[in-house]
Amino acid sequence: MTKVGIGLSVALSALAMSAAAQTCDPTQRAMNANNLQIIAELSAPKGEMASYHAVAKGENIDFTTDTRATFTPCNVLESASTTYSRDDGISKMTMDYHLKRDAEGWITTEAMTITAKDKTLTDMKGETRYRPDSTGRITESIATFTLNGQLAQTRTQYEYDESNRIVRTVARSSLPFFEETTELSYDTRGLLIRTSSGKTNSTVSWGEDGRWLRSETETSHPYSVLYTVDECTKWDEQGSCLTVKREEKEKYAKQTTRYTFVMNKEIRYY
């Protein structure tokens, strides 16, 4: 399925280093952190999050997104939703994303539409099921969706190292565009510092105190290359980022676009 853009993934990534007391079994906490990384694409949180709300707006583009999430103790993501709207003057994109936890694991539903001059370019609808093993660690996800009326499925396997950290994801799809293998690397503190695949490469920077500082990503699309820089400009007392600024540059064959976004967050802890 598609990424949530500056919505859920960027919004939650800034929560990674809260200093709230650790009350969970360390092994289970590590598994919960990895599950959160898979579902929301964020580095392992250290604190006890209860709820989260983030709103992002474009400074030089018509763009808004609103993300809300709730957690049970030990950082188990219970529910989440993101609404997304973007109009760059050439095309319009809207997306609606929902996640819930159930007896089988987690399931998301997503609908995305891209239009240009009142013509639909992309119409995607579907759901993704995240399946944990007997220990509670996600080992597989299955995305079933329609893309412009064509039914498709992508199945992703997750591989771990001896420290229960995700080191590789392998996606197989009925549509070649969605097939991808991603490698993940960590520093000596166990913090995610790099992800790389054939389409997307990201680096993450952390402060000496463990605060998330900055992420840089390069993504290759069929007709362009997108460069994004996400940088924290404000933290709370626990060390969680409260404000993120994103600089986005997209290079096409004949032009380059540049946009800036700002995200503000409200975080509540147990």
Protein backbone atom coordinates (compact mmCIF):
# COMPACT_ATOMS: atom_id res chain seq x y z
CA MET A 1 0.00 0.00 0.00
CA THR A 2 1.02 3.62 -0.13
CA LYS A 3 2.91 5.48 2.56
CA VAL A 4 1.11 7.99 4.73
CA GLY A 5 3.48 10.79 3.71
CA ILE A 6 4.04 13.43 6.34
CA GLY A 7 1.12 11.93 8.26
CA LEU A 8 1.41 8.86 10.49
CA SER A 9 5.02 7.81 9.82
CA VAL A 10 6.71 11.21 10.30
CA ALA A 11 4.31 12.19 13.03
CA LEU A 12 5.08 9.18 15.18
CA SER A 13 8.81 8.99 14.42
CA ALA A 14 9.40 12.09 16.53
CA LEU A 15 8.16 10.22 19.63
CA ALA A 16 11.06 7.86 19.62
CA MET A 17 12.92 8.86 22.78
CA SER A 18 10.46 9.67 25.58
CA ALA A 19 12.03 9.20 29.03
CA ALA A 20 8.99 7.87 30.88
CA ALA A 21 9.52 5.01 33.28
CA GLN A 22 9.91 1.56 31.78
CA THR A 23 7.44 -0.81 33.39
CA CYS A 24 7.31 -3.60 30.77
CA ASP A 25 9.32 -6.75 30.35
CA PRO A 26 12.36 -5.71 28.22
CA THR A 27 11.87 -8.48 25.66
CA GLN A 28 8.19 -7.71 25.20
CA ARG A 29 8.96 -3.99 25.06
CA ALA A 30 11.44 -4.64 22.25
CA MET A 31 8.86 -6.67 20.34
CA ASN A 32 6.23 -3.96 20.78
CA ALA A 33 8.72 -1.38 19.55
CA ASN A 34 9.42 -3.42 16.43
CA ASN A 35 5.71 -3.85 15.76
CA LEU A 36 5.32 -0.08 15.98
CA GLN A 37 8.24 0.38 13.62
CA ILE A 38 6.61 -1.95 11.07
CA ILE A 39 3.14 -0.45 11.28
CA ALA A 40 4.07 3.23 11.60
CA GLU A 41 7.68 3.26 10.30
CA LEU A 42 9.26 4.75 13.40
CA SER A 43 12.25 4.04 15.61
CA ALA A 44 11.77 2.28 18.93
CA PRO A 45 10.01 4.41 21.58
CA LYS A 46 11.34 4.31 25.17
CA GLY A 47 8.43 5.82 27.06
CA GLU A 48 4.79 5.08 27.85
CA MET A 49 2.61 6.86 25.30
CA ALA A 50 -1.14 7.09 25.89
CA SER A 51 -2.35 9.28 23.02
CA TYR A 52 -0.96 11.38 20.23
CA HIS A 53 -2.31 14.11 17.95
CA ALA A 54 -0.39 15.80 15.14
CA VAL A 55 -1.43 18.42 12.60
CA ALA A 56 0.71 19.41 9.62
CA LYS A 57 0.25 22.29 7.19
CA GLY A 58 2.07 23.46 4.11
CA GLU A 59 3.77 26.85 4.24
CA ASN A 60 3.94 27.36 0.46
CA ILE A 61 1.51 24.68 -0.71
CA ASP A 62 -2.12 23.83 -0.04
CA PHE A 63 -1.53 20.86 2.25
CA THR A 64 -3.03 19.59 5.51
CA THR A 65 -2.86 16.32 7.40
CA ASP A 66 -4.27 15.28 10.77
CA THR A 67 -3.04 12.19 12.65
CA ARG A 68 -4.45 10.72 15.86
CA ALA A 69 -3.29 7.60 17.68
CA THR A 70 -3.99 5.80 20.96
CA PHE A 71 -1.79 3.32 22.83
CA THR A 72 -2.19 0.78 25.59
CA PRO A 73 0.65 0.49 28.17
CA CYS A 74 4.01 -0.74 26.86
CA ASN A 75 3.54 1.20 23.61
CA VAL A 76 1.04 -1.11 21.94
CA LEU A 77 -0.62 0.84 19.13
CA GLU A 78 -4.37 0.43 19.65
CA SER A 79 -5.84 2.69 16.96
CA ALA A 80 -4.79 5.39 14.54
CA SER A 81 -6.17 7.55 11.76
CA THR A 82 -4.80 10.04 9.26
CA THR A 83 -6.56 12.37 6.84
CA TYR A 84 -4.45 13.89 4.08
CA SER A 85 -5.11 16.59 1.48
CA ARG A 86 -2.63 18.08 -0.97
CA ASP A 87 -3.04 20.45 -3.95
CA ASP A 88 0.11 21.69 -5.69
CA GLY A 89 -1.76 23.55 -8.43
CA ILE A 90 -1.22 20.73 -10.92
CA SER A 91 -2.60 17.68 -9.15
CA LYS A 92 -4.69 16.97 -6.08
CA MET A 93 -4.24 14.08 -3.66
CA THR A 94 -6.54 12.98 -0.84
CA MET A 95 -6.13 10.04 1.50
CA ASP A 96 -8.00 8.53 4.41
CA TYR A 97 -6.22 5.98 6.63
CA HIS A 98 -7.46 4.00 9.63
CA LEU A 99 -5.85 1.37 11.86
CA LYS A 100 -7.26 -0.82 14.61
CA ARG A 101 -5.98 -3.64 16.76
CA ASP A 102 -8.01 -6.87 16.98
CA ALA A 103 -7.65 -10.50 18.04
CA GLU A 104 -5.56 -11.37 14.96
CA GLY A 105 -3.14 -8.45 15.19
CA TRP A 106 -3.65 -5.16 13.38
CA ILE A 107 -5.57 -4.16 10.28
CA THR A 108 -5.48 -0.93 8.30
CA THR A 109 -7.81 0.47 5.66
CA GLU A 110 -6.73 3.11 3.20
CA ALA A 111 -8.25 5.04 0.31
CA MET A 112 -6.20 7.36 -1.91
CA THR A 113 -7.12 9.40 -4.98
CA ILE A 114 -4.92 11.56 -7.22
CA THR A 115 -6.55 13.80 -9.81
CA ALA A 116 -5.34 16.36 -12.35
CA LYS A 117 -7.62 18.69 -14.31
CA ASP A 118 -10.63 16.71 -13.05
CA LYS A 119 -9.16 13.48 -14.43
CA THR A 120 -8.45 10.61 -12.04
CA LEU A 121 -4.82 9.49 -12.30
CA THR A 122 -4.71 7.11 -9.34
CA ASP A 123 -7.52 5.47 -7.41
CA MET A 124 -6.42 3.03 -4.70
CA LYS A 125 -8.46 1.32 -2.00
CA GLY A 126 -7.55 -1.60 0.21
CA GLU A 127 -6.53 -3.03 3.54
CA THR A 128 -3.40 -4.44 5.16
CA ARG A 129 -3.38 -7.22 7.75
CA TYR A 130 -0.36 -7.39 10.11
CA ARG A 131 0.07 -10.87 11.60
CA PRO A 132 2.15 -11.57 14.74
CA ASP A 133 3.65 -14.94 15.68
CA SER A 134 3.05 -16.75 18.98
CA THR A 135 5.36 -14.29 20.82
CA GLY A 136 3.46 -11.25 19.54
CA ARG A 137 6.12 -10.15 17.05
CA ILE A 138 4.88 -9.24 13.55
CA THR A 139 6.39 -11.57 10.97
CA GLU A 140 4.11 -10.96 7.99
CA SER A 141 1.77 -8.40 6.47
CA ILE A 142 -0.67 -8.90 3.61
CA ALA A 143 -1.98 -5.91 1.65
CA THR A 144 -4.99 -6.55 -0.57
CA PHE A 145 -6.06 -3.60 -2.71
CA THR A 146 -7.40 -2.33 -6.00
CA LEU A 147 -5.33 0.08 -8.06
CA ASN A 148 -7.31 1.81 -10.81
CA GLY A 149 -9.73 -1.10 -10.78
CA GLN A 150 -7.06 -3.82 -10.83
CA LEU A 151 -7.06 -6.22 -7.89
CA ALA A 152 -3.61 -6.84 -6.38
CA GLN A 153 -1.88 -8.24 -3.32
CA THR A 154 1.47 -7.57 -1.65
CA ARG A 155 2.86 -9.94 0.98
CA THR A 156 5.76 -8.72 3.16
CA GLN A 157 8.02 -10.83 5.39
CA TYR A 158 9.98 -9.30 8.31
CA GLU A 159 13.37 -10.62 9.43
CA TYR A 160 15.04 -9.95 12.82
CA ASP A 161 18.50 -10.15 14.37
CA GLU A 162 19.44 -11.74 17.70
CA SER A 163 18.46 -8.50 19.49
CA ASN A 164 14.90 -8.65 18.11
CA ARG A 165 15.53 -5.73 15.75
CA ILE A 166 14.12 -5.67 12.23
CA VAL A 167 17.01 -5.95 9.78
CA ARG A 168 15.23 -6.78 6.52
CA THR A 169 11.79 -6.62 4.93
CA VAL A 170 10.96 -8.47 1.72
CA ALA A 171 7.81 -7.54 -0.21
CA ARG A 172 6.43 -9.79 -2.97
CA SER A 173 3.56 -8.47 -5.05
CA SER A 174 1.30 -9.33 -7.94
CA LEU A 175 2.27 -5.86 -9.24
CA PRO A 176 6.05 -5.53 -9.85
CA PHE A 177 6.10 -1.88 -8.75
CA PHE A 178 5.35 -2.91 -5.14
CA GLU A 179 8.11 -5.55 -4.92
CA GLU A 180 10.92 -4.31 -2.70
CA THR A 181 13.61 -5.49 -0.28
CA THR A 182 14.61 -3.06 2.48
CA GLU A 183 17.66 -3.30 4.75
CA LEU A 184 17.73 -1.56 8.16
CA SER A 185 20.85 -0.57 10.16
CA TYR A 186 21.29 0.53 13.80
CA ASP A 187 23.94 2.28 15.88
CA THR A 188 25.55 0.87 19.02
CA ARG A 189 22.65 2.22 21.11
CA GLY A 190 20.17 0.25 19.04
CA LEU A 191 18.73 3.34 17.34
CA LEU A 192 17.73 3.12 13.68
CA ILE A 193 20.16 5.11 11.55
CA ARG A 194 19.62 3.87 7.98
CA THR A 195 17.09 2.17 5.72
CA SER A 196 17.83 1.34 2.11
CA SER A 197 16.08 -0.30 -0.82
CA GLY A 198 16.06 -0.02 -4.59
CA LYS A 199 13.59 2.89 -4.39
CA THR A 200 14.11 4.66 -1.08
CA ASN A 201 17.17 5.45 1.03
CA SER A 202 16.95 7.19 4.42
CA THR A 203 19.38 8.27 7.13
CA VAL A 204 18.40 9.22 10.69
CA SER A 205 20.39 11.44 13.08
CA TRP A 206 20.20 11.32 16.90
CA GLY A 207 21.63 13.56 19.59
CA GLU A 208 24.03 12.34 22.28
CA ASP A 209 21.08 12.39 24.69
CA GLY A 210 19.08 10.11 22.39
CA ARG A 211 16.74 12.74 21.00
CA TRP A 212 15.65 12.37 17.39
CA LEU A 213 17.12 15.26 15.40
CA ARG A 214 16.80 14.78 11.66
CA SER A 215 15.89 12.37 8.86
CA GLU A 216 16.90 12.61 5.20
CA THR A 217 15.20 10.53 2.50
CA GLU A 218 15.65 10.07 -1.25
CA THR A 219 12.82 8.32 -3.10
CA SER A 220 12.85 7.40 -6.79
CA HIS A 221 9.50 7.61 -8.57
CA PRO A 222 8.87 6.61 -12.21
CA TYR A 223 9.10 10.23 -13.41
CA SER A 224 10.89 12.06 -10.61
CA VAL A 225 13.21 11.87 -7.61
CA LEU A 226 11.92 13.19 -4.27
CA TYR A 227 14.27 14.50 -1.57
CA THR A 228 12.88 15.16 1.91
CA VAL A 229 14.49 16.47 5.09
CA ASP A 230 12.58 16.24 8.38
CA GLU A 231 14.08 18.19 11.28
CA CYS A 232 12.94 18.61 14.87
CA THR A 233 12.86 22.21 16.12
CA LYS A 234 11.20 21.74 19.54
CA TRP A 235 11.16 18.98 22.18
CA ASP A 236 9.19 18.37 25.37
CA GLU A 237 10.74 17.63 28.77
CA GLN A 238 10.76 13.88 28.07
CA GLY A 239 12.78 14.37 24.89
CA SER A 240 9.94 13.80 22.42
CA CYS A 241 9.82 16.09 19.41
CA LEU A 242 6.89 18.53 19.39
CA THR A 243 7.54 20.38 16.13
CA VAL A 244 8.88 18.99 12.86
CA LYS A 245 9.84 21.02 9.81
CA ARG A 246 9.95 19.25 6.45
CA GLU A 247 11.76 20.52 3.36
CA GLU A 248 10.72 18.71 0.19
CA LYS A 249 12.37 18.95 -3.23
CA GLU A 250 11.18 16.93 -6.22
CA LYS A 251 13.17 16.83 -9.45
CA TYR A 252 11.38 16.15 -12.73
CA ALA A 253 12.89 16.08 -16.22
CA LYS A 254 12.01 19.73 -16.90
CA GLN A 255 11.34 21.29 -13.50
CA THR A 256 12.02 21.12 -9.77
CA THR A 257 9.46 21.85 -7.05
CA ARG A 258 10.24 22.91 -3.48
CA TYR A 259 7.77 22.87 -0.60
CA THR A 260 7.94 23.37 3.17
CA PHE A 261 5.69 21.83 5.81
CA VAL A 262 5.40 22.25 9.59
CA MET A 263 3.93 19.66 11.96
CA ASN A 264 2.90 20.36 15.56
CA LYS A 265 2.09 17.61 18.05
CA GLU A 266 0.35 16.99 21.34
CA ILE A 267 1.53 13.98 23.36
CA ARG A 268 0.00 12.46 26.46
CA TYR A 269 1.86 9.90 28.58
CA TYR A 270 0.75 7.28 31.08
